[in-house]
Amino acid sequence: MSGVIVTDIARPDAAVVDALGAHGVATVHEAMGRTGLVGASLRPIQDGARIAGSAVTVLSWPADNLMIHAAVEQCREGDILVVTTVSPSVDGAFGELFGTALHARGVRGLITTTGVRDVAELRELGFPVWSAAVNAQGTVKSTGGSVNVPVVLGGVVVRPGDVIVADDDGVLCVPRENAAAALAASDARVEKEAADRAAYQGGALSLDRKGLRQSLSELGVVYMTQQEYDGR
């Protein structure tokens, strides 16, 4: 089989997706036990965007965007398009016309290991993108691939219907079956951080609030005066 397009993927609960997006990448990542980040190689082409949605995945050949064309039809409102290639390629496989088509369908953004172009137009359109490169190099439409199959981004397996969260801090994947648990853990973390924030605003030190003085002592870290340090 040279490729497949899966048309009936399961999607997560929309309210859970939106709530995870409101928490953002760093909070959900920590709440999930510091898992799910796709790595630092994908960066936003804009500032200040924060999105979450269900993944529609694309596996393409390098320098070929045929399967992105095929994937547009499979996208629904609230989705995020996730694109990678069978071997590394940063050619500009995505541009403003793709962004226009997806924006019209209610797609929330693009995550891609390829390059993108027309970045000024994408920013003006308000279509958020996280990519491996900005690159005007064009692509062809010559090779079959797949839509809505598991793909790998930065060592993280992304399956169709998984929750993608993306903001200025990076890109995170939450497995669809873990989305509700991740939200509960994120809610708890936000509540804890609110208490910490209030304490710090009142002058408390994280060393004391988190019990880190004992950790320093156990690790052999000692306090000394400047005179004691100079005389060692």
C-alpha atoms as a PDB file:
ATOM      1  CA  MET A   1       0.000   0.000   0.000  1.00  0.00           C
ATOM      2  CA  SER A   2       1.563   3.299  -1.100  1.00  0.00           C
ATOM      3  CA  GLY A   3      -0.598   5.430   1.148  1.00  0.00           C
ATOM      4  CA  VAL A   4      -3.901   5.723   2.979  1.00  0.00           C
ATOM      5  CA  ILE A   5      -6.345   8.466   3.924  1.00  0.00           C
ATOM      6  CA  VAL A   6      -8.338   7.645   7.051  1.00  0.00           C
ATOM      7  CA  THR A   7     -11.624   9.535   7.009  1.00  0.00           C
ATOM      8  CA  ASP A   8     -13.372   8.787  10.318  1.00  0.00           C
ATOM      9  CA  ILE A   9     -10.914   9.499  13.130  1.00  0.00           C
ATOM     10  CA  ALA A  10     -12.116   9.828  16.728  1.00  0.00           C
ATOM     11  CA  ARG A  11     -11.705  13.267  18.245  1.00  0.00           C
ATOM     12  CA  PRO A  12     -11.444  14.336  21.900  1.00  0.00           C
ATOM     13  CA  ASP A  13     -14.074  16.261  23.826  1.00  0.00           C
ATOM     14  CA  ALA A  14     -14.010  19.848  22.579  1.00  0.00           C
ATOM     15  CA  ALA A  15     -14.405  21.371  26.056  1.00  0.00           C
ATOM     16  CA  VAL A  16     -11.396  19.405  27.340  1.00  0.00           C
ATOM     17  CA  VAL A  17      -9.330  20.532  24.355  1.00  0.00           C
ATOM     18  CA  ASP A  18     -10.206  24.187  24.922  1.00  0.00           C
ATOM     19  CA  ALA A  19      -9.409  23.953  28.637  1.00  0.00           C
ATOM     20  CA  LEU A  20      -6.004  22.385  27.935  1.00  0.00           C
ATOM     21  CA  GLY A  21      -5.303  25.165  25.480  1.00  0.00           C
ATOM     22  CA  ALA A  22      -6.145  27.780  28.096  1.00  0.00           C
ATOM     23  CA  HIS A  23      -3.580  26.261  30.451  1.00  0.00           C
ATOM     24  CA  GLY A  24      -0.823  26.321  27.812  1.00  0.00           C
ATOM     25  CA  VAL A  25       2.147  24.145  26.958  1.00  0.00           C
ATOM     26  CA  ALA A  26       4.336  24.596  30.041  1.00  0.00           C
ATOM     27  CA  THR A  27       1.573  23.915  32.553  1.00  0.00           C
ATOM     28  CA  VAL A  28       0.207  20.843  30.776  1.00  0.00           C
ATOM     29  CA  HIS A  29       3.712  19.494  30.162  1.00  0.00           C
ATOM     30  CA  GLU A  30       4.580  19.704  33.852  1.00  0.00           C
ATOM     31  CA  ALA A  31       1.204  18.303  34.885  1.00  0.00           C
ATOM     32  CA  MET A  32       1.770  15.299  32.592  1.00  0.00           C
ATOM     33  CA  GLY A  33       5.038  14.446  34.299  1.00  0.00           C
ATOM     34  CA  ARG A  34       7.177  16.436  31.857  1.00  0.00           C
ATOM     35  CA  THR A  35       6.152  14.396  28.838  1.00  0.00           C
ATOM     36  CA  GLY A  36       4.691  15.169  25.436  1.00  0.00           C
ATOM     37  CA  LEU A  37       6.927  17.964  24.156  1.00  0.00           C
ATOM     38  CA  VAL A  38       7.840  17.518  20.500  1.00  0.00           C
ATOM     39  CA  GLY A  39      11.180  19.276  20.988  1.00  0.00           C
ATOM     40  CA  ALA A  40      12.697  22.691  20.459  1.00  0.00           C
ATOM     41  CA  SER A  41      13.139  22.436  16.688  1.00  0.00           C
ATOM     42  CA  LEU A  42       9.617  23.674  15.874  1.00  0.00           C
ATOM     43  CA  ARG A  43       9.191  27.385  16.445  1.00  0.00           C
ATOM     44  CA  PRO A  44       6.239  29.763  15.966  1.00  0.00           C
ATOM     45  CA  ILE A  45       6.260  32.177  13.075  1.00  0.00           C
ATOM     46  CA  GLN A  46       4.177  34.594  15.190  1.00  0.00           C
ATOM     47  CA  ASP A  47       4.152  35.877  18.762  1.00  0.00           C
ATOM     48  CA  GLY A  48       1.406  35.430  21.321  1.00  0.00           C
ATOM     49  CA  ALA A  49      -0.668  32.691  19.713  1.00  0.00           C
ATOM     50  CA  ARG A  50      -1.982  29.940  21.999  1.00  0.00           C
ATOM     51  CA  ILE A  51      -4.022  27.139  20.453  1.00  0.00           C
ATOM     52  CA  ALA A  52      -5.217  23.610  21.114  1.00  0.00           C
ATOM     53  CA  GLY A  53      -7.018  21.203  18.826  1.00  0.00           C
ATOM     54  CA  SER A  54      -7.359  17.635  17.652  1.00  0.00           C
ATOM     55  CA  ALA A  55      -4.597  16.399  15.364  1.00  0.00           C
ATOM     56  CA  VAL A  56      -5.153  15.635  11.706  1.00  0.00           C
ATOM     57  CA  THR A  57      -1.862  14.087  10.659  1.00  0.00           C
ATOM     58  CA  VAL A  58      -0.018  14.046   7.345  1.00  0.00           C
ATOM     59  CA  LEU A  59       2.930  11.875   6.330  1.00  0.00           C
ATOM     60  CA  SER A  60       4.430  13.213   3.110  1.00  0.00           C
ATOM     61  CA  TRP A  61       7.500  12.662   0.999  1.00  0.00           C
ATOM     62  CA  PRO A  62      10.225  15.325   1.113  1.00  0.00           C
ATOM     63  CA  ALA A  63       9.648  18.399  -1.048  1.00  0.00           C
ATOM     64  CA  ASP A  64       6.135  17.165  -1.918  1.00  0.00           C
ATOM     65  CA  ASN A  65       2.918  18.666  -0.570  1.00  0.00           C
ATOM     66  CA  LEU A  66       0.360  16.493  -2.377  1.00  0.00           C
ATOM     67  CA  MET A  67      -0.883  14.953   0.867  1.00  0.00           C
ATOM     68  CA  ILE A  68      -1.456  18.347   2.467  1.00  0.00           C
ATOM     69  CA  HIS A  69      -3.932  19.010  -0.344  1.00  0.00           C
ATOM     70  CA  ALA A  70      -5.600  15.685   0.473  1.00  0.00           C
ATOM     71  CA  ALA A  71      -5.640  16.447   4.211  1.00  0.00           C
ATOM     72  CA  VAL A  72      -7.553  19.721   3.887  1.00  0.00           C
ATOM     73  CA  GLU A  73     -10.696  17.747   3.034  1.00  0.00           C
ATOM     74  CA  GLN A  74     -10.366  15.724   6.250  1.00  0.00           C
ATOM     75  CA  CYS A  75     -10.063  18.764   8.530  1.00  0.00           C
ATOM     76  CA  ARG A  76     -12.922  20.008  10.675  1.00  0.00           C
ATOM     77  CA  GLU A  77     -13.472  23.004  12.903  1.00  0.00           C
ATOM     78  CA  GLY A  78     -11.250  22.752  15.954  1.00  0.00           C
ATOM     79  CA  ASP A  79      -8.570  20.620  14.318  1.00  0.00           C
ATOM     80  CA  ILE A  80      -4.846  21.319  14.031  1.00  0.00           C
ATOM     81  CA  LEU A  81      -2.976  20.045  10.971  1.00  0.00           C
ATOM     82  CA  VAL A  82       0.219  18.149  11.832  1.00  0.00           C
ATOM     83  CA  VAL A  83       2.623  17.552   8.923  1.00  0.00           C
ATOM     84  CA  THR A  84       5.858  15.610   8.719  1.00  0.00           C
ATOM     85  CA  THR A  85       7.867  13.818   6.044  1.00  0.00           C
ATOM     86  CA  VAL A  86       9.351  10.346   5.733  1.00  0.00           C
ATOM     87  CA  SER A  87      12.841  11.871   5.797  1.00  0.00           C
ATOM     88  CA  PRO A  88      13.944  15.387   6.793  1.00  0.00           C
ATOM     89  CA  SER A  89      12.852  18.222   4.516  1.00  0.00           C
ATOM     90  CA  VAL A  90      12.531  21.950   5.202  1.00  0.00           C
ATOM     91  CA  ASP A  91      11.287  22.988   1.776  1.00  0.00           C
ATOM     92  CA  GLY A  92       8.372  25.427   1.855  1.00  0.00           C
ATOM     93  CA  ALA A  93       5.530  22.936   1.608  1.00  0.00           C
ATOM     94  CA  PHE A  94       2.890  25.254   3.127  1.00  0.00           C
ATOM     95  CA  GLY A  95       1.873  28.803   2.354  1.00  0.00           C
ATOM     96  CA  GLU A  96      -0.902  31.366   2.439  1.00  0.00           C
ATOM     97  CA  LEU A  97      -3.317  29.533   0.121  1.00  0.00           C
ATOM     98  CA  PHE A  98      -3.264  26.461   2.351  1.00  0.00           C
ATOM     99  CA  GLY A  99      -3.716  28.742   5.348  1.00  0.00           C
ATOM    100  CA  THR A 100      -6.706  30.421   3.710  1.00  0.00           C
ATOM    101  CA  ALA A 101      -8.395  27.088   2.971  1.00  0.00           C
ATOM    102  CA  LEU A 102      -7.815  25.722   6.468  1.00  0.00           C
ATOM    103  CA  HIS A 103      -8.812  28.963   8.178  1.00  0.00           C
ATOM    104  CA  ALA A 104     -12.101  28.870   6.309  1.00  0.00           C
ATOM    105  CA  ARG A 105     -12.742  25.358   7.667  1.00  0.00           C
ATOM    106  CA  GLY A 106     -12.138  26.436  11.258  1.00  0.00           C
ATOM    107  CA  VAL A 107      -8.752  24.761  11.577  1.00  0.00           C
ATOM    108  CA  ARG A 108      -6.799  26.352  14.402  1.00  0.00           C
ATOM    109  CA  GLY A 109      -3.243  26.115  13.089  1.00  0.00           C
ATOM    110  CA  LEU A 110      -0.400  24.106  11.588  1.00  0.00           C
ATOM    111  CA  ILE A 111       2.417  22.134  13.188  1.00  0.00           C
ATOM    112  CA  THR A 112       5.019  21.018  10.652  1.00  0.00           C
ATOM    113  CA  THR A 113       8.551  19.649  10.507  1.00  0.00           C
ATOM    114  CA  THR A 114       8.844  21.151   7.010  1.00  0.00           C
ATOM    115  CA  GLY A 115       9.370  24.754   5.994  1.00  0.00           C
ATOM    116  CA  VAL A 116       6.640  27.328   5.442  1.00  0.00           C
ATOM    117  CA  ARG A 117       6.498  30.434   3.303  1.00  0.00           C
ATOM    118  CA  ASP A 118       4.204  33.469   2.888  1.00  0.00           C
ATOM    119  CA  VAL A 119       4.720  34.094   6.573  1.00  0.00           C
ATOM    120  CA  ALA A 120       3.638  37.750   6.423  1.00  0.00           C
ATOM    121  CA  GLU A 121       0.371  36.734   4.808  1.00  0.00           C
ATOM    122  CA  LEU A 122      -0.164  33.898   7.307  1.00  0.00           C
ATOM    123  CA  ARG A 123       0.351  36.326  10.181  1.00  0.00           C
ATOM    124  CA  GLU A 124      -2.070  38.809   8.623  1.00  0.00           C
ATOM    125  CA  LEU A 125      -4.597  36.000   8.147  1.00  0.00           C
ATOM    126  CA  GLY A 126      -4.258  35.072  11.806  1.00  0.00           C
ATOM    127  CA  PHE A 127      -3.410  31.457  11.028  1.00  0.00           C
ATOM    128  CA  PRO A 128      -0.817  30.268  13.586  1.00  0.00           C
ATOM    129  CA  VAL A 129       2.071  28.077  12.441  1.00  0.00           C
ATOM    130  CA  TRP A 130       4.876  26.236  14.221  1.00  0.00           C
ATOM    131  CA  SER A 131       7.513  25.022  11.755  1.00  0.00           C
ATOM    132  CA  ALA A 132      11.078  23.784  11.438  1.00  0.00           C
ATOM    133  CA  ALA A 133      12.018  26.564   9.023  1.00  0.00           C
ATOM    134  CA  VAL A 134      10.877  29.522   6.975  1.00  0.00           C
ATOM    135  CA  ASN A 135      11.808  28.692   3.402  1.00  0.00           C
ATOM    136  CA  ALA A 136      10.527  29.974   0.067  1.00  0.00           C
ATOM    137  CA  GLN A 137      11.720  26.837  -1.745  1.00  0.00           C
ATOM    138  CA  GLY A 138       8.755  25.335  -3.583  1.00  0.00           C
ATOM    139  CA  THR A 139       7.581  21.730  -3.680  1.00  0.00           C
ATOM    140  CA  VAL A 140       5.956  19.284  -6.099  1.00  0.00           C
ATOM    141  CA  LYS A 141       2.775  17.191  -5.981  1.00  0.00           C
ATOM    142  CA  SER A 142       4.030  13.856  -7.255  1.00  0.00           C
ATOM    143  CA  THR A 143       4.170  11.228  -4.516  1.00  0.00           C
ATOM    144  CA  GLY A 144       1.518   9.453  -2.501  1.00  0.00           C
ATOM    145  CA  GLY A 145       1.602   9.532   1.287  1.00  0.00           C
ATOM    146  CA  SER A 146      -0.876   9.165   4.122  1.00  0.00           C
ATOM    147  CA  VAL A 147      -3.374  11.205   6.099  1.00  0.00           C
ATOM    148  CA  ASN A 148      -4.522  10.387   9.625  1.00  0.00           C
ATOM    149  CA  VAL A 149      -1.892   7.805  10.475  1.00  0.00           C
ATOM    150  CA  PRO A 150       0.497   7.938  13.451  1.00  0.00           C
ATOM    151  CA  VAL A 151       3.486  10.218  12.847  1.00  0.00           C
ATOM    152  CA  VAL A 152       6.583  11.067  14.860  1.00  0.00           C
ATOM    153  CA  LEU A 153       7.567  14.622  15.786  1.00  0.00           C
ATOM    154  CA  GLY A 154      10.780  15.038  17.747  1.00  0.00           C
ATOM    155  CA  GLY A 155      10.549  11.542  19.189  1.00  0.00           C
ATOM    156  CA  VAL A 156       6.885  11.943  20.200  1.00  0.00           C
ATOM    157  CA  VAL A 157       4.274   9.776  18.478  1.00  0.00           C
ATOM    158  CA  VAL A 158       1.274  11.854  17.411  1.00  0.00           C
ATOM    159  CA  ARG A 159      -1.822   9.913  16.480  1.00  0.00           C
ATOM    160  CA  PRO A 160      -4.840  11.332  14.684  1.00  0.00           C
ATOM    161  CA  GLY A 161      -7.228  12.727  17.269  1.00  0.00           C
ATOM    162  CA  ASP A 162      -4.571  13.396  19.893  1.00  0.00           C
ATOM    163  CA  VAL A 163      -4.693  16.844  21.490  1.00  0.00           C
ATOM    164  CA  ILE A 164      -2.096  19.317  20.277  1.00  0.00           C
ATOM    165  CA  VAL A 165      -1.318  22.338  22.451  1.00  0.00           C
ATOM    166  CA  ALA A 166       0.945  25.056  21.042  1.00  0.00           C
ATOM    167  CA  ASP A 167       2.063  28.483  22.173  1.00  0.00           C
ATOM    168  CA  ASP A 168       5.220  30.590  22.453  1.00  0.00           C
ATOM    169  CA  ASP A 169       6.801  27.885  24.647  1.00  0.00           C
ATOM    170  CA  GLY A 170       6.567  25.141  22.000  1.00  0.00           C
ATOM    171  CA  VAL A 171       4.336  22.267  20.944  1.00  0.00           C
ATOM    172  CA  LEU A 172       2.891  19.496  23.110  1.00  0.00           C
ATOM    173  CA  CYS A 173       0.974  16.304  22.320  1.00  0.00           C
ATOM    174  CA  VAL A 174      -1.562  14.894  24.787  1.00  0.00           C
ATOM    175  CA  PRO A 175      -2.760  11.379  23.900  1.00  0.00           C
ATOM    176  CA  ARG A 176      -6.512  11.495  23.297  1.00  0.00           C
ATOM    177  CA  GLU A 177      -7.292   8.872  25.944  1.00  0.00           C
ATOM    178  CA  ASN A 178      -5.298  10.841  28.540  1.00  0.00           C
ATOM    179  CA  ALA A 179      -6.816  14.244  27.811  1.00  0.00           C
ATOM    180  CA  ALA A 180      -9.282  14.338  30.726  1.00  0.00           C
ATOM    181  CA  ALA A 181      -6.645  13.184  33.223  1.00  0.00           C
ATOM    182  CA  ALA A 182      -4.170  15.730  31.857  1.00  0.00           C
ATOM    183  CA  LEU A 183      -6.756  18.462  32.322  1.00  0.00           C
ATOM    184  CA  ALA A 184      -7.439  17.442  35.931  1.00  0.00           C
ATOM    185  CA  ALA A 185      -3.709  17.440  36.682  1.00  0.00           C
ATOM    186  CA  SER A 186      -3.302  20.816  34.973  1.00  0.00           C
ATOM    187  CA  ASP A 187      -6.178  22.309  36.980  1.00  0.00           C
ATOM    188  CA  ALA A 188      -4.513  21.120  40.181  1.00  0.00           C
ATOM    189  CA  ARG A 189      -1.166  22.560  39.121  1.00  0.00           C
ATOM    190  CA  VAL A 190      -2.715  25.943  38.345  1.00  0.00           C
ATOM    191  CA  GLU A 191      -4.352  26.009  41.780  1.00  0.00           C
ATOM    192  CA  LYS A 192      -1.032  25.173  43.453  1.00  0.00           C
ATOM    193  CA  GLU A 193       0.831  27.803  41.449  1.00  0.00           C
ATOM    194  CA  ALA A 194      -1.761  30.419  42.396  1.00  0.00           C
ATOM    195  CA  ALA A 195      -1.024  29.716  46.074  1.00  0.00           C
ATOM    196  CA  ASP A 196       2.725  29.898  45.397  1.00  0.00           C
ATOM    197  CA  ARG A 197       2.318  33.176  43.527  1.00  0.00           C
ATOM    198  CA  ALA A 198       0.386  34.738  46.384  1.00  0.00           C
ATOM    199  CA  ALA A 199       3.068  33.603  48.837  1.00  0.00           C
ATOM    200  CA  TYR A 200       5.884  35.039  46.705  1.00  0.00           C
ATOM    201  CA  GLN A 201       4.024  38.318  46.340  1.00  0.00           C
ATOM    202  CA  GLY A 202       3.994  38.395  50.135  1.00  0.00           C
ATOM    203  CA  GLY A 203       7.761  37.976  50.287  1.00  0.00           C
ATOM    204  CA  ALA A 204       8.070  34.205  50.801  1.00  0.00           C
ATOM    205  CA  LEU A 205      11.099  32.424  49.338  1.00  0.00           C
ATOM    206  CA  SER A 206      10.818  29.359  47.127  1.00  0.00           C
ATOM    207  CA  LEU A 207      13.737  27.851  49.066  1.00  0.00           C
ATOM    208  CA  ASP A 208      11.503  27.691  52.127  1.00  0.00           C
ATOM    209  CA  ARG A 209       8.135  27.068  50.487  1.00  0.00           C
ATOM    210  CA  LYS A 210       9.468  24.096  48.520  1.00  0.00           C
ATOM    211  CA  GLY A 211      11.722  22.768  51.266  1.00  0.00           C
ATOM    212  CA  LEU A 212      14.838  23.227  49.148  1.00  0.00           C
ATOM    213  CA  ARG A 213      17.196  24.215  51.956  1.00  0.00           C
ATOM    214  CA  GLN A 214      17.303  20.572  53.017  1.00  0.00           C
ATOM    215  CA  SER A 215      18.056  19.560  49.423  1.00  0.00           C
ATOM    216  CA  LEU A 216      20.997  21.962  49.318  1.00  0.00           C
ATOM    217  CA  SER A 217      22.317  20.569  52.586  1.00  0.00           C
ATOM    218  CA  GLU A 218      21.959  16.957  51.450  1.00  0.00           C
ATOM    219  CA  LEU A 219      23.866  17.822  48.276  1.00  0.00           C
ATOM    220  CA  GLY A 220      26.726  19.306  50.291  1.00  0.00           C
ATOM    221  CA  VAL A 221      26.083  22.932  49.370  1.00  0.00           C
ATOM    222  CA  VAL A 222      27.255  25.204  52.180  1.00  0.00           C
ATOM    223  CA  TYR A 223      26.802  28.878  53.029  1.00  0.00           C
ATOM    224  CA  MET A 224      29.865  30.991  53.851  1.00  0.00           C
ATOM    225  CA  THR A 225      30.859  34.615  54.083  1.00  0.00           C
ATOM    226  CA  GLN A 226      32.994  36.325  51.437  1.00  0.00           C
ATOM    227  CA  GLN A 227      35.926  36.270  53.871  1.00  0.00           C
ATOM    228  CA  GLU A 228      35.490  32.532  54.447  1.00  0.00           C
ATOM    229  CA  TYR A 229      35.282  31.932  50.677  1.00  0.00           C
ATOM    230  CA  ASP A 230      38.408  33.986  49.950  1.00  0.00           C
ATOM    231  CA  GLY A 231      40.324  32.151  52.670  1.00  0.00           C
ATOM    232  CA  ARG A 232      39.605  28.640  51.483  1.00  0.00           C
END
